Every structure is written in C-alpha cells, then in structure tokens.
C-alpha cells in the first residue's frame, strides 16, 4: 500500500511510518515502510488465515490510518 501526500502523487514516508506504528500498537504486525520515498507499507498475512482474522486485521489497519492522519 503506497502512501502519498494529500492532493499529490508525492510519497509520504512519515505518514506511512505513523500508520505502521499505530498498527503495531493495535496488535497488527506490518513491515517497516519500504520502497520509493519509504512510503510503501507491505502487508503480508499468513497463507492460512480465517475470515475473522482478515476482518480484524482490516479493521486495525483502517483505524491505524485514521489515527495516523
């Protein structure tokens, strides 16, 4: 997931890092931001994961993005 600055295509590495920090606080493990401008968040769920865990992870990520902005 590539994070860009609002209203542009410029990468926002600081926001990406804050999103990862918030996700970790919520129990969702993500890789540190990588890629162009350090603004890409890698999401790598286990190959064997149930629907409830996917839903929980998506909700934690959604909340993390909201809290980081």
N, C-alpha and C. Protein backbone atom coordinates (compact mmCIF):
# COMPACT_ATOMS: atom_id res chain seq x y z
N UNK A 1 0.86 -1.14 0.00
CA UNK A 1 0.00 0.00 0.00
C UNK A 1 0.92 1.22 0.00
N UNK A 2 0.86 2.02 -1.08
CA UNK A 2 1.73 3.19 -1.20
C UNK A 2 0.99 4.41 -0.65
N UNK A 3 1.65 5.13 0.25
CA UNK A 3 1.06 6.29 0.92
C UNK A 3 1.60 7.56 0.25
N UNK A 4 0.69 8.43 -0.17
CA UNK A 4 1.09 9.68 -0.80
C UNK A 4 0.54 10.87 -0.02
N UNK A 5 1.15 12.02 -0.27
CA UNK A 5 0.68 13.25 0.37
C UNK A 5 -0.64 13.67 -0.25
N UNK A 6 -1.53 14.17 0.58
CA UNK A 6 -2.87 14.56 0.14
C UNK A 6 -2.78 15.57 -1.01
N UNK A 7 -3.52 15.27 -2.07
CA UNK A 7 -3.58 16.17 -3.21
C UNK A 7 -2.40 16.09 -4.16
N UNK A 8 -1.53 15.07 -3.98
CA UNK A 8 -0.38 14.95 -4.88
C UNK A 8 -0.05 13.47 -5.09
N UNK A 9 0.99 13.24 -5.84
CA UNK A 9 1.49 11.87 -6.02
C UNK A 9 2.83 11.68 -5.32
N UNK A 10 3.21 12.67 -4.50
CA UNK A 10 4.48 12.63 -3.77
C UNK A 10 4.36 11.64 -2.60
N UNK A 11 5.35 10.74 -2.45
CA UNK A 11 5.29 9.77 -1.36
C UNK A 11 5.36 10.45 0.01
N UNK A 12 4.67 9.86 0.98
CA UNK A 12 4.65 10.40 2.34
C UNK A 12 5.18 9.34 3.31
N UNK A 13 6.49 9.26 3.41
CA UNK A 13 7.13 8.27 4.26
C UNK A 13 6.83 8.45 5.74
N UNK A 14 6.69 9.70 6.16
CA UNK A 14 6.39 9.95 7.58
C UNK A 14 5.02 9.42 7.96
N UNK A 15 4.03 9.65 7.11
CA UNK A 15 2.69 9.14 7.38
C UNK A 15 2.69 7.61 7.34
N UNK A 16 3.40 7.03 6.39
CA UNK A 16 3.48 5.57 6.32
C UNK A 16 4.05 5.00 7.61
N UNK A 17 5.10 5.63 8.13
CA UNK A 17 5.70 5.17 9.38
C UNK A 17 4.72 5.30 10.54
N UNK A 18 3.98 6.40 10.61
CA UNK A 18 3.00 6.58 11.69
C UNK A 18 1.89 5.53 11.59
N UNK A 19 1.46 5.18 10.38
CA UNK A 19 0.45 4.15 10.21
C UNK A 19 0.96 2.81 10.75
N UNK A 20 2.19 2.47 10.42
CA UNK A 20 2.77 1.21 10.90
C UNK A 20 2.87 1.23 12.43
N UNK A 21 3.30 2.34 12.99
CA UNK A 21 3.37 2.45 14.46
C UNK A 21 2.01 2.22 15.10
N UNK A 22 0.99 2.86 14.57
CA UNK A 22 -0.37 2.71 15.11
C UNK A 22 -0.85 1.26 14.96
N UNK A 23 -0.56 0.64 13.84
CA UNK A 23 -0.98 -0.74 13.61
C UNK A 23 -0.33 -1.67 14.63
N UNK A 24 0.94 -1.47 14.89
CA UNK A 24 1.64 -2.31 15.87
C UNK A 24 1.03 -2.13 17.25
N UNK A 25 0.68 -0.91 17.61
CA UNK A 25 0.02 -0.66 18.90
C UNK A 25 -1.31 -1.42 19.01
N UNK A 26 -1.95 -1.64 17.87
CA UNK A 26 -3.24 -2.34 17.84
C UNK A 26 -3.07 -3.85 17.67
N UNK A 27 -1.83 -4.31 17.62
CA UNK A 27 -1.57 -5.75 17.53
C UNK A 27 -1.45 -6.28 16.11
N UNK A 28 -1.41 -5.39 15.11
CA UNK A 28 -1.26 -5.80 13.72
C UNK A 28 0.19 -5.59 13.31
N UNK A 29 0.87 -6.67 13.00
CA UNK A 29 2.28 -6.59 12.63
C UNK A 29 2.40 -6.29 11.14
N UNK A 30 3.11 -5.22 10.81
CA UNK A 30 3.38 -4.84 9.44
C UNK A 30 4.88 -4.63 9.28
N UNK A 31 5.35 -4.71 8.05
CA UNK A 31 6.75 -4.40 7.78
C UNK A 31 6.95 -2.90 7.88
N UNK A 32 8.18 -2.50 8.21
CA UNK A 32 8.50 -1.07 8.19
C UNK A 32 8.33 -0.57 6.77
N UNK A 33 7.95 0.69 6.60
CA UNK A 33 7.76 1.22 5.25
C UNK A 33 9.01 1.05 4.38
N UNK A 34 8.79 0.70 3.13
CA UNK A 34 9.87 0.45 2.17
C UNK A 34 9.54 1.17 0.87
N UNK A 35 10.35 0.97 -0.15
CA UNK A 35 10.06 1.45 -1.48
C UNK A 35 10.33 2.93 -1.68
N UNK A 36 9.79 3.45 -2.78
CA UNK A 36 10.01 4.82 -3.18
C UNK A 36 9.58 5.79 -2.09
N UNK A 37 10.53 6.57 -1.61
CA UNK A 37 10.24 7.55 -0.57
C UNK A 37 9.95 6.94 0.79
N UNK A 38 10.21 5.63 0.94
CA UNK A 38 9.91 4.96 2.21
C UNK A 38 8.44 5.04 2.56
N UNK A 39 7.58 5.01 1.52
CA UNK A 39 6.16 5.25 1.74
C UNK A 39 5.28 4.07 1.37
N UNK A 40 5.87 2.90 1.20
CA UNK A 40 5.09 1.72 0.85
C UNK A 40 5.02 0.79 2.06
N UNK A 41 3.81 0.45 2.45
CA UNK A 41 3.59 -0.45 3.58
C UNK A 41 3.29 -1.83 3.02
N UNK A 42 4.13 -2.79 3.39
CA UNK A 42 3.93 -4.17 2.94
C UNK A 42 2.97 -4.88 3.89
N UNK A 43 1.99 -5.52 3.31
CA UNK A 43 1.02 -6.29 4.08
C UNK A 43 1.22 -7.75 3.70
N UNK A 44 1.49 -8.59 4.67
CA UNK A 44 1.83 -9.98 4.37
C UNK A 44 1.13 -10.91 5.37
N UNK A 45 -0.16 -11.18 5.15
CA UNK A 45 -0.86 -12.09 6.07
C UNK A 45 -0.38 -13.53 5.87
N UNK A 46 -0.58 -14.37 6.85
CA UNK A 46 -0.19 -15.77 6.71
C UNK A 46 -0.98 -16.43 5.56
N UNK A 47 -0.41 -17.47 4.98
CA UNK A 47 -1.11 -18.18 3.91
C UNK A 47 -2.37 -18.85 4.40
N UNK A 48 -2.37 -19.24 5.68
CA UNK A 48 -3.54 -19.87 6.28
C UNK A 48 -4.10 -18.89 7.29
N UNK A 49 -5.23 -18.27 6.94
CA UNK A 49 -5.83 -17.26 7.81
C UNK A 49 -7.35 -17.36 7.66
N UNK A 50 -8.06 -17.25 8.76
CA UNK A 50 -9.52 -17.36 8.66
C UNK A 50 -10.16 -15.99 8.44
N UNK A 51 -11.42 -16.00 8.06
CA UNK A 51 -12.12 -14.77 7.71
C UNK A 51 -12.16 -13.77 8.86
N UNK A 52 -12.34 -14.26 10.08
CA UNK A 52 -12.41 -13.36 11.23
C UNK A 52 -11.08 -12.62 11.43
N UNK A 53 -9.98 -13.33 11.24
CA UNK A 53 -8.66 -12.69 11.39
C UNK A 53 -8.44 -11.64 10.30
N UNK A 54 -8.90 -11.92 9.09
CA UNK A 54 -8.80 -10.94 8.00
C UNK A 54 -9.62 -9.70 8.35
N UNK A 55 -10.83 -9.91 8.82
CA UNK A 55 -11.69 -8.77 9.19
C UNK A 55 -11.06 -7.95 10.32
N UNK A 56 -10.50 -8.63 11.33
CA UNK A 56 -9.84 -7.92 12.43
C UNK A 56 -8.65 -7.11 11.94
N UNK A 57 -7.86 -7.71 11.04
CA UNK A 57 -6.69 -7.03 10.50
C UNK A 57 -7.07 -5.81 9.69
N UNK A 58 -8.10 -5.93 8.87
CA UNK A 58 -8.56 -4.81 8.06
C UNK A 58 -9.06 -3.68 8.95
N UNK A 59 -9.80 -4.03 9.99
CA UNK A 59 -10.31 -3.01 10.91
C UNK A 59 -9.16 -2.32 11.64
N UNK A 60 -8.16 -3.08 12.09
CA UNK A 60 -7.00 -2.49 12.76
C UNK A 60 -6.25 -1.56 11.80
N UNK A 61 -6.11 -1.97 10.54
CA UNK A 61 -5.43 -1.12 9.57
C UNK A 61 -6.24 0.14 9.30
N UNK A 62 -7.54 0.01 9.16
CA UNK A 62 -8.41 1.18 8.95
C UNK A 62 -8.29 2.17 10.10
N UNK A 63 -8.34 1.66 11.32
CA UNK A 63 -8.21 2.53 12.50
C UNK A 63 -6.82 3.18 12.56
N UNK A 64 -5.80 2.41 12.19
CA UNK A 64 -4.43 2.93 12.22
C UNK A 64 -4.26 4.10 11.24
N UNK A 65 -4.83 3.96 10.06
CA UNK A 65 -4.76 5.04 9.07
C UNK A 65 -5.49 6.26 9.61
N UNK A 66 -6.68 6.05 10.14
CA UNK A 66 -7.47 7.17 10.69
C UNK A 66 -6.72 7.87 11.82
N UNK A 67 -6.13 7.07 12.72
CA UNK A 67 -5.42 7.65 13.86
C UNK A 67 -4.12 8.37 13.46
N UNK A 68 -3.47 7.89 12.40
CA UNK A 68 -2.20 8.47 11.96
C UNK A 68 -2.38 9.79 11.21
N UNK A 69 -3.53 9.95 10.60
CA UNK A 69 -3.78 11.19 9.83
C UNK A 69 -4.14 12.26 10.80
